[in-house]
Amino acid sequence: MTAINPTGTATSPTGANSSSGTAASQFSNPQMFLQLLVAELQNQDPTSPTDPSTIMQQTSELSQVEAVNTMTTAITGEQTASQQNEASGLIGKTITATVSGSTLTGPVSEVQLDSSGTPTLLVNGTTVPLSALTAITT
């Protein structure tokens, strides 16, 4: 028996999505996963019920995806904090950077954060991304 899940795509009794979505995208939204699981259980064929091990496998995959998402968020936060710390340590130092194809050398007078929290350096009135640095001198 084929059921229609809340997104409007067909699912088989085993819960496999018949559209071309990947497993990661299917499990990236825990609420959607639970909605799909409930829909699957409500619409399953009584003569061929869903295997409990399949449900446990899907639940395990959901937990793994949630754990990876949590770790990714934590790592991104640590990376941003590290970049901000590194940038603030450059105030007063002379840097060389390549900006728009031109080489710029001068002292870092200020550190600014862009809208995403990524640090940029102010050198001789020019905003320089941290990634554009080619040399640092004291």
C-alpha atoms as a PDB file:
ATOM      1  CA  MET A   1       0.000   0.000   0.000  1.00  0.00           C
ATOM      2  CA  THR A   2       1.223   3.463  -0.802  1.00  0.00           C
ATOM      3  CA  ALA A   3       0.428   6.382   1.500  1.00  0.00           C
ATOM      4  CA  ILE A   4       0.601  10.092   0.897  1.00  0.00           C
ATOM      5  CA  ASN A   5       2.715  11.843   3.507  1.00  0.00           C
ATOM      6  CA  PRO A   6       2.162  15.439   4.763  1.00  0.00           C
ATOM      7  CA  THR A   7       4.425  16.835   2.036  1.00  0.00           C
ATOM      8  CA  GLY A   8       2.251  15.281  -0.660  1.00  0.00           C
ATOM      9  CA  THR A   9       4.802  12.710  -1.841  1.00  0.00           C
ATOM     10  CA  ALA A  10       4.079   9.018  -1.876  1.00  0.00           C
ATOM     11  CA  THR A  11       5.667   6.661   0.618  1.00  0.00           C
ATOM     12  CA  SER A  12       5.798   2.898   0.573  1.00  0.00           C
ATOM     13  CA  PRO A  13       4.841   0.770   3.603  1.00  0.00           C
ATOM     14  CA  THR A  14       8.500   0.781   4.618  1.00  0.00           C
ATOM     15  CA  GLY A  15       8.543   4.575   4.705  1.00  0.00           C
ATOM     16  CA  ALA A  16      10.800   5.004   1.693  1.00  0.00           C
ATOM     17  CA  ASN A  17      10.085   8.248  -0.054  1.00  0.00           C
ATOM     18  CA  SER A  18       9.382   7.683  -3.719  1.00  0.00           C
ATOM     19  CA  SER A  19      10.677  11.147  -4.664  1.00  0.00           C
ATOM     20  CA  SER A  20      14.359  11.764  -5.285  1.00  0.00           C
ATOM     21  CA  GLY A  21      15.108  13.236  -1.816  1.00  0.00           C
ATOM     22  CA  THR A  22      18.183  12.049   0.030  1.00  0.00           C
ATOM     23  CA  ALA A  23      18.123  10.381   3.441  1.00  0.00           C
ATOM     24  CA  ALA A  24      19.892  13.367   4.988  1.00  0.00           C
ATOM     25  CA  SER A  25      17.248  15.795   3.751  1.00  0.00           C
ATOM     26  CA  GLN A  26      14.466  13.477   4.907  1.00  0.00           C
ATOM     27  CA  PHE A  27      15.887  13.390   8.428  1.00  0.00           C
ATOM     28  CA  SER A  28      17.098  16.986   8.670  1.00  0.00           C
ATOM     29  CA  ASN A  29      13.752  18.159  10.073  1.00  0.00           C
ATOM     30  CA  PRO A  30      12.808  16.143  13.194  1.00  0.00           C
ATOM     31  CA  GLN A  31       9.213  17.426  13.188  1.00  0.00           C
ATOM     32  CA  MET A  32       8.694  16.336   9.583  1.00  0.00           C
ATOM     33  CA  PHE A  33      10.200  12.940  10.365  1.00  0.00           C
ATOM     34  CA  LEU A  34       7.724  12.445  13.203  1.00  0.00           C
ATOM     35  CA  GLN A  35       4.815  13.561  11.000  1.00  0.00           C
ATOM     36  CA  LEU A  36       5.882  11.108   8.311  1.00  0.00           C
ATOM     37  CA  LEU A  37       6.274   8.313  10.844  1.00  0.00           C
ATOM     38  CA  VAL A  38       2.784   8.907  12.274  1.00  0.00           C
ATOM     39  CA  ALA A  39       1.285   9.085   8.763  1.00  0.00           C
ATOM     40  CA  GLU A  40       3.068   5.870   7.845  1.00  0.00           C
ATOM     41  CA  LEU A  41       1.797   4.048  10.906  1.00  0.00           C
ATOM     42  CA  GLN A  42      -1.769   5.330  10.397  1.00  0.00           C
ATOM     43  CA  ASN A  43      -1.840   4.293   6.740  1.00  0.00           C
ATOM     44  CA  GLN A  44       0.080   1.036   6.824  1.00  0.00           C
ATOM     45  CA  ASP A  45      -1.348  -2.107   5.290  1.00  0.00           C
ATOM     46  CA  PRO A  46      -2.663  -4.302   8.149  1.00  0.00           C
ATOM     47  CA  THR A  47      -1.669  -7.432   6.203  1.00  0.00           C
ATOM     48  CA  SER A  48       1.900  -6.183   5.849  1.00  0.00           C
ATOM     49  CA  PRO A  49       2.746  -3.983   8.855  1.00  0.00           C
ATOM     50  CA  THR A  50       5.913  -1.920   9.067  1.00  0.00           C
ATOM     51  CA  ASP A  51       8.879  -3.834  10.440  1.00  0.00           C
ATOM     52  CA  PRO A  52       9.771  -2.446  13.931  1.00  0.00           C
ATOM     53  CA  SER A  53      13.472  -2.666  13.090  1.00  0.00           C
ATOM     54  CA  THR A  54      12.879  -0.236  10.207  1.00  0.00           C
ATOM     55  CA  ILE A  55      11.301   2.278  12.578  1.00  0.00           C
ATOM     56  CA  MET A  56      14.205   1.858  15.026  1.00  0.00           C
ATOM     57  CA  GLN A  57      16.716   2.344  12.189  1.00  0.00           C
ATOM     58  CA  GLN A  58      14.966   5.524  11.037  1.00  0.00           C
ATOM     59  CA  THR A  59      14.812   6.847  14.607  1.00  0.00           C
ATOM     60  CA  SER A  60      18.505   6.092  15.047  1.00  0.00           C
ATOM     61  CA  GLU A  61      19.333   7.948  11.836  1.00  0.00           C
ATOM     62  CA  LEU A  62      17.303  10.928  13.050  1.00  0.00           C
ATOM     63  CA  SER A  63      19.296  10.962  16.295  1.00  0.00           C
ATOM     64  CA  GLN A  64      22.563  10.806  14.378  1.00  0.00           C
ATOM     65  CA  VAL A  65      21.573  13.696  12.111  1.00  0.00           C
ATOM     66  CA  GLU A  66      20.520  15.785  15.119  1.00  0.00           C
ATOM     67  CA  ALA A  67      23.864  15.059  16.819  1.00  0.00           C
ATOM     68  CA  VAL A  68      25.811  16.047  13.692  1.00  0.00           C
ATOM     69  CA  ASN A  69      23.774  19.261  13.363  1.00  0.00           C
ATOM     70  CA  THR A  70      24.487  20.113  17.013  1.00  0.00           C
ATOM     71  CA  MET A  71      28.216  19.461  16.562  1.00  0.00           C
ATOM     72  CA  THR A  72      28.304  21.507  13.360  1.00  0.00           C
ATOM     73  CA  THR A  73      26.675  24.453  15.127  1.00  0.00           C
ATOM     74  CA  ALA A  74      29.153  24.194  18.016  1.00  0.00           C
ATOM     75  CA  ILE A  75      32.158  23.958  15.687  1.00  0.00           C
ATOM     76  CA  THR A  76      30.958  26.949  13.661  1.00  0.00           C
ATOM     77  CA  GLY A  77      30.585  28.984  16.867  1.00  0.00           C
ATOM     78  CA  GLU A  78      34.074  28.006  17.996  1.00  0.00           C
ATOM     79  CA  GLN A  79      35.523  28.862  14.590  1.00  0.00           C
ATOM     80  CA  THR A  80      33.887  32.310  14.621  1.00  0.00           C
ATOM     81  CA  ALA A  81      35.124  33.001  18.159  1.00  0.00           C
ATOM     82  CA  SER A  82      38.633  31.902  17.183  1.00  0.00           C
ATOM     83  CA  GLN A  83      38.635  34.181  14.120  1.00  0.00           C
ATOM     84  CA  GLN A  84      37.420  37.122  16.214  1.00  0.00           C
ATOM     85  CA  ASN A  85      40.147  36.477  18.778  1.00  0.00           C
ATOM     86  CA  GLU A  86      42.794  36.188  16.063  1.00  0.00           C
ATOM     87  CA  ALA A  87      41.613  39.403  14.407  1.00  0.00           C
ATOM     88  CA  SER A  88      41.653  41.400  17.642  1.00  0.00           C
ATOM     89  CA  GLY A  89      45.240  40.267  18.204  1.00  0.00           C
ATOM     90  CA  LEU A  90      46.225  41.954  14.937  1.00  0.00           C
ATOM     91  CA  ILE A  91      45.358  45.493  16.071  1.00  0.00           C
ATOM     92  CA  GLY A  92      48.527  47.594  15.841  1.00  0.00           C
ATOM     93  CA  LYS A  93      50.376  45.056  13.688  1.00  0.00           C
ATOM     94  CA  THR A  94      51.305  45.677  10.085  1.00  0.00           C
ATOM     95  CA  ILE A  95      49.708  43.308   7.626  1.00  0.00           C
ATOM     96  CA  THR A  96      49.953  42.673   3.927  1.00  0.00           C
ATOM     97  CA  ALA A  97      46.825  41.553   2.128  1.00  0.00           C
ATOM     98  CA  THR A  98      45.524  41.108  -1.383  1.00  0.00           C
ATOM     99  CA  VAL A  99      42.235  42.979  -1.844  1.00  0.00           C
ATOM    100  CA  SER A 100      40.517  43.095  -5.252  1.00  0.00           C
ATOM    101  CA  GLY A 101      43.764  42.078  -6.951  1.00  0.00           C
ATOM    102  CA  SER A 102      45.819  44.834  -5.296  1.00  0.00           C
ATOM    103  CA  THR A 103      48.381  44.396  -2.542  1.00  0.00           C
ATOM    104  CA  LEU A 104      47.717  46.493   0.553  1.00  0.00           C
ATOM    105  CA  THR A 105      50.193  46.969   3.391  1.00  0.00           C
ATOM    106  CA  GLY A 106      49.567  48.900   6.583  1.00  0.00           C
ATOM    107  CA  PRO A 107      48.764  48.800  10.276  1.00  0.00           C
ATOM    108  CA  VAL A 108      45.491  47.316  11.494  1.00  0.00           C
ATOM    109  CA  SER A 109      43.653  50.150  13.229  1.00  0.00           C
ATOM    110  CA  GLU A 110      40.351  48.445  13.962  1.00  0.00           C
ATOM    111  CA  VAL A 111      38.488  45.139  13.821  1.00  0.00           C
ATOM    112  CA  GLN A 112      34.892  45.122  12.651  1.00  0.00           C
ATOM    113  CA  LEU A 113      32.364  42.302  12.434  1.00  0.00           C
ATOM    114  CA  ASP A 114      30.268  41.924   9.318  1.00  0.00           C
ATOM    115  CA  SER A 115      26.612  40.898   9.409  1.00  0.00           C
ATOM    116  CA  SER A 116      27.515  37.207   9.748  1.00  0.00           C
ATOM    117  CA  GLY A 117      29.935  37.837  12.645  1.00  0.00           C
ATOM    118  CA  THR A 118      33.035  37.320  10.514  1.00  0.00           C
ATOM    119  CA  PRO A 119      35.837  39.722  11.458  1.00  0.00           C
ATOM    120  CA  THR A 120      37.240  42.234   9.000  1.00  0.00           C
ATOM    121  CA  LEU A 121      40.249  44.491   9.524  1.00  0.00           C
ATOM    122  CA  LEU A 122      40.443  48.221   8.883  1.00  0.00           C
ATOM    123  CA  VAL A 123      43.785  49.051   7.238  1.00  0.00           C
ATOM    124  CA  ASN A 124      44.445  52.564   5.924  1.00  0.00           C
ATOM    125  CA  GLY A 125      40.675  53.113   5.640  1.00  0.00           C
ATOM    126  CA  THR A 126      40.162  49.903   3.669  1.00  0.00           C
ATOM    127  CA  THR A 127      38.158  46.960   4.973  1.00  0.00           C
ATOM    128  CA  VAL A 128      40.178  43.765   4.639  1.00  0.00           C
ATOM    129  CA  PRO A 129      38.730  40.278   5.143  1.00  0.00           C
ATOM    130  CA  LEU A 130      40.802  38.124   7.473  1.00  0.00           C
ATOM    131  CA  SER A 131      41.120  35.542   4.687  1.00  0.00           C
ATOM    132  CA  ALA A 132      42.919  38.081   2.436  1.00  0.00           C
ATOM    133  CA  LEU A 133      45.999  38.330   4.671  1.00  0.00           C
ATOM    134  CA  THR A 134      49.275  37.239   3.091  1.00  0.00           C
ATOM    135  CA  ALA A 135      51.741  38.451   5.765  1.00  0.00           C
ATOM    136  CA  ILE A 136      51.789  39.787   9.324  1.00  0.00           C
ATOM    137  CA  THR A 137      54.635  41.826  10.831  1.00  0.00           C
ATOM    138  CA  THR A 138      54.986  43.460  14.233  1.00  0.00           C
END
